[in-house]
């Protein structure tokens, strides 16, 4: 997933787009778009080999803005399971509700 995000241009190190094999060093600021939010991470130290999550958390500082409150997220219309596709009338009602 990380390599795909780099190729798509969603990852920037110190303001520049990077390729998946780009090396980072202590002090680098990494900005990425993931799941509709922007994450901002500053590398505090690097490790040479793979480590577990508790050790990895100590290697960066997360300066990301807090996620938006749940009350401001757009509610998703859910249909009951097994009801099939909406009818033409239901579709028009949904479009009118969404402002289309």
C-alpha atoms as a PDB file:
ATOM      1  CA  UNK A   1       0.000   0.000   0.000  1.00  0.00           C
ATOM      2  CA  UNK A   2       2.840   2.375   0.819  1.00  0.00           C
ATOM      3  CA  UNK A   3       4.546   1.802  -2.532  1.00  0.00           C
ATOM      4  CA  UNK A   4       1.267   2.379  -4.379  1.00  0.00           C
ATOM      5  CA  UNK A   5       0.721   5.630  -2.447  1.00  0.00           C
ATOM      6  CA  UNK A   6       4.230   6.808  -3.402  1.00  0.00           C
ATOM      7  CA  UNK A   7       3.653   6.004  -7.080  1.00  0.00           C
ATOM      8  CA  UNK A   8       0.320   7.856  -6.993  1.00  0.00           C
ATOM      9  CA  UNK A   9       2.040  10.972  -5.600  1.00  0.00           C
ATOM     10  CA  UNK A  10       0.319  10.905  -2.204  1.00  0.00           C
ATOM     11  CA  UNK A  11       3.596  10.812  -0.231  1.00  0.00           C
ATOM     12  CA  UNK A  12       5.916  13.804   0.173  1.00  0.00           C
ATOM     13  CA  UNK A  13       9.172  13.975   2.117  1.00  0.00           C
ATOM     14  CA  UNK A  14      10.197  17.533   3.020  1.00  0.00           C
ATOM     15  CA  UNK A  15       7.700  18.851   0.447  1.00  0.00           C
ATOM     16  CA  UNK A  16       8.875  16.754  -2.526  1.00  0.00           C
ATOM     17  CA  UNK A  17       7.162  13.736  -4.080  1.00  0.00           C
ATOM     18  CA  UNK A  18       9.188  10.590  -3.573  1.00  0.00           C
ATOM     19  CA  UNK A  19       9.543   7.121  -5.056  1.00  0.00           C
ATOM     20  CA  UNK A  20       8.973   3.996  -2.940  1.00  0.00           C
ATOM     21  CA  UNK A  21      12.737   3.350  -2.476  1.00  0.00           C
ATOM     22  CA  UNK A  22      13.475   6.847  -1.104  1.00  0.00           C
ATOM     23  CA  UNK A  23      15.554   6.768   2.096  1.00  0.00           C
ATOM     24  CA  UNK A  24      14.563   8.898   5.058  1.00  0.00           C
ATOM     25  CA  UNK A  25      16.725  10.249   7.853  1.00  0.00           C
ATOM     26  CA  UNK A  26      16.074  11.728  11.268  1.00  0.00           C
ATOM     27  CA  UNK A  27      14.377  15.101  11.007  1.00  0.00           C
ATOM     28  CA  UNK A  28      12.552  14.406   7.714  1.00  0.00           C
ATOM     29  CA  UNK A  29       8.892  15.441   7.562  1.00  0.00           C
ATOM     30  CA  UNK A  30       6.634  12.964   5.757  1.00  0.00           C
ATOM     31  CA  UNK A  31       3.186  14.054   4.562  1.00  0.00           C
ATOM     32  CA  UNK A  32       0.741  11.550   3.120  1.00  0.00           C
ATOM     33  CA  UNK A  33      -2.912  11.332   2.167  1.00  0.00           C
ATOM     34  CA  UNK A  34      -4.577   8.214   3.537  1.00  0.00           C
ATOM     35  CA  UNK A  35      -8.268   7.423   3.926  1.00  0.00           C
ATOM     36  CA  UNK A  36      -9.279  11.012   3.169  1.00  0.00           C
ATOM     37  CA  UNK A  37      -7.029  12.554   5.827  1.00  0.00           C
ATOM     38  CA  UNK A  38      -3.599  14.084   5.753  1.00  0.00           C
ATOM     39  CA  UNK A  39      -0.985  12.521   8.021  1.00  0.00           C
ATOM     40  CA  UNK A  40       2.119  14.493   9.030  1.00  0.00           C
ATOM     41  CA  UNK A  41       4.947  12.482  10.585  1.00  0.00           C
ATOM     42  CA  UNK A  42       8.442  13.634  11.596  1.00  0.00           C
ATOM     43  CA  UNK A  43      11.131  10.945  11.715  1.00  0.00           C
ATOM     44  CA  UNK A  44      12.955  11.030  15.065  1.00  0.00           C
ATOM     45  CA  UNK A  45      15.320   8.099  14.448  1.00  0.00           C
ATOM     46  CA  UNK A  46      15.835   5.361  11.900  1.00  0.00           C
ATOM     47  CA  UNK A  47      16.253   1.615  12.337  1.00  0.00           C
ATOM     48  CA  UNK A  48      18.112  -0.769  10.036  1.00  0.00           C
ATOM     49  CA  UNK A  49      15.881  -3.839  10.354  1.00  0.00           C
ATOM     50  CA  UNK A  50      12.195  -4.555  10.723  1.00  0.00           C
ATOM     51  CA  UNK A  51      10.844  -4.011  14.225  1.00  0.00           C
ATOM     52  CA  UNK A  52       7.538  -4.428  15.993  1.00  0.00           C
ATOM     53  CA  UNK A  53       4.909  -1.728  16.322  1.00  0.00           C
ATOM     54  CA  UNK A  54       5.826  -0.671  19.904  1.00  0.00           C
ATOM     55  CA  UNK A  55       9.417   0.052  18.812  1.00  0.00           C
ATOM     56  CA  UNK A  56       8.325   1.706  15.551  1.00  0.00           C
ATOM     57  CA  UNK A  57       6.082   4.173  17.420  1.00  0.00           C
ATOM     58  CA  UNK A  58       9.175   5.478  19.246  1.00  0.00           C
ATOM     59  CA  UNK A  59      10.856   6.312  15.910  1.00  0.00           C
ATOM     60  CA  UNK A  60       8.485   9.069  14.764  1.00  0.00           C
ATOM     61  CA  UNK A  61       6.408  11.984  16.036  1.00  0.00           C
ATOM     62  CA  UNK A  62       2.856  12.190  14.684  1.00  0.00           C
ATOM     63  CA  UNK A  63       1.879  15.833  14.050  1.00  0.00           C
ATOM     64  CA  UNK A  64      -1.304  14.979  12.137  1.00  0.00           C
ATOM     65  CA  UNK A  65      -4.380  17.144  12.677  1.00  0.00           C
ATOM     66  CA  UNK A  66      -7.105  15.384  14.658  1.00  0.00           C
ATOM     67  CA  UNK A  67      -9.754  13.547  12.635  1.00  0.00           C
ATOM     68  CA  UNK A  68     -13.013  15.430  12.054  1.00  0.00           C
ATOM     69  CA  UNK A  69     -15.697  14.812  14.664  1.00  0.00           C
ATOM     70  CA  UNK A  70     -18.152  12.078  13.774  1.00  0.00           C
ATOM     71  CA  UNK A  71     -21.117  14.457  13.785  1.00  0.00           C
ATOM     72  CA  UNK A  72     -19.709  16.353  10.782  1.00  0.00           C
ATOM     73  CA  UNK A  73     -19.178  13.285   8.599  1.00  0.00           C
ATOM     74  CA  UNK A  74     -21.706  12.644   5.853  1.00  0.00           C
ATOM     75  CA  UNK A  75     -24.102   9.839   6.760  1.00  0.00           C
ATOM     76  CA  UNK A  76     -24.198   6.955   4.326  1.00  0.00           C
ATOM     77  CA  UNK A  77     -27.588   5.704   3.228  1.00  0.00           C
ATOM     78  CA  UNK A  78     -27.915   2.040   4.104  1.00  0.00           C
ATOM     79  CA  UNK A  79     -30.409  -0.310   2.535  1.00  0.00           C
ATOM     80  CA  UNK A  80     -31.771  -3.384   4.216  1.00  0.00           C
ATOM     81  CA  UNK A  81     -30.074  -6.565   3.188  1.00  0.00           C
ATOM     82  CA  UNK A  82     -31.881  -8.452   0.433  1.00  0.00           C
ATOM     83  CA  UNK A  83     -34.014  -5.535  -0.798  1.00  0.00           C
ATOM     84  CA  UNK A  84     -32.206  -5.385  -4.138  1.00  0.00           C
ATOM     85  CA  UNK A  85     -31.623  -2.340  -6.261  1.00  0.00           C
ATOM     86  CA  UNK A  86     -33.622   0.835  -5.631  1.00  0.00           C
ATOM     87  CA  UNK A  87     -36.645   1.401  -7.839  1.00  0.00           C
ATOM     88  CA  UNK A  88     -36.811   4.387 -10.160  1.00  0.00           C
ATOM     89  CA  UNK A  89     -38.971   6.245  -7.636  1.00  0.00           C
ATOM     90  CA  UNK A  90     -36.571   5.469  -4.735  1.00  0.00           C
ATOM     91  CA  UNK A  91     -33.625   6.568  -6.877  1.00  0.00           C
ATOM     92  CA  UNK A  92     -35.293   9.914  -7.648  1.00  0.00           C
ATOM     93  CA  UNK A  93     -36.023  10.396  -3.938  1.00  0.00           C
ATOM     94  CA  UNK A  94     -32.370   9.655  -3.106  1.00  0.00           C
ATOM     95  CA  UNK A  95     -31.172  12.093  -5.759  1.00  0.00           C
ATOM     96  CA  UNK A  96     -33.491  14.774  -4.451  1.00  0.00           C
ATOM     97  CA  UNK A  97     -32.252  14.128  -0.892  1.00  0.00           C
ATOM     98  CA  UNK A  98     -28.604  14.479  -1.985  1.00  0.00           C
ATOM     99  CA  UNK A  99     -29.349  17.644  -3.963  1.00  0.00           C
ATOM    100  CA  UNK A 100     -28.734  16.282  -7.483  1.00  0.00           C
END
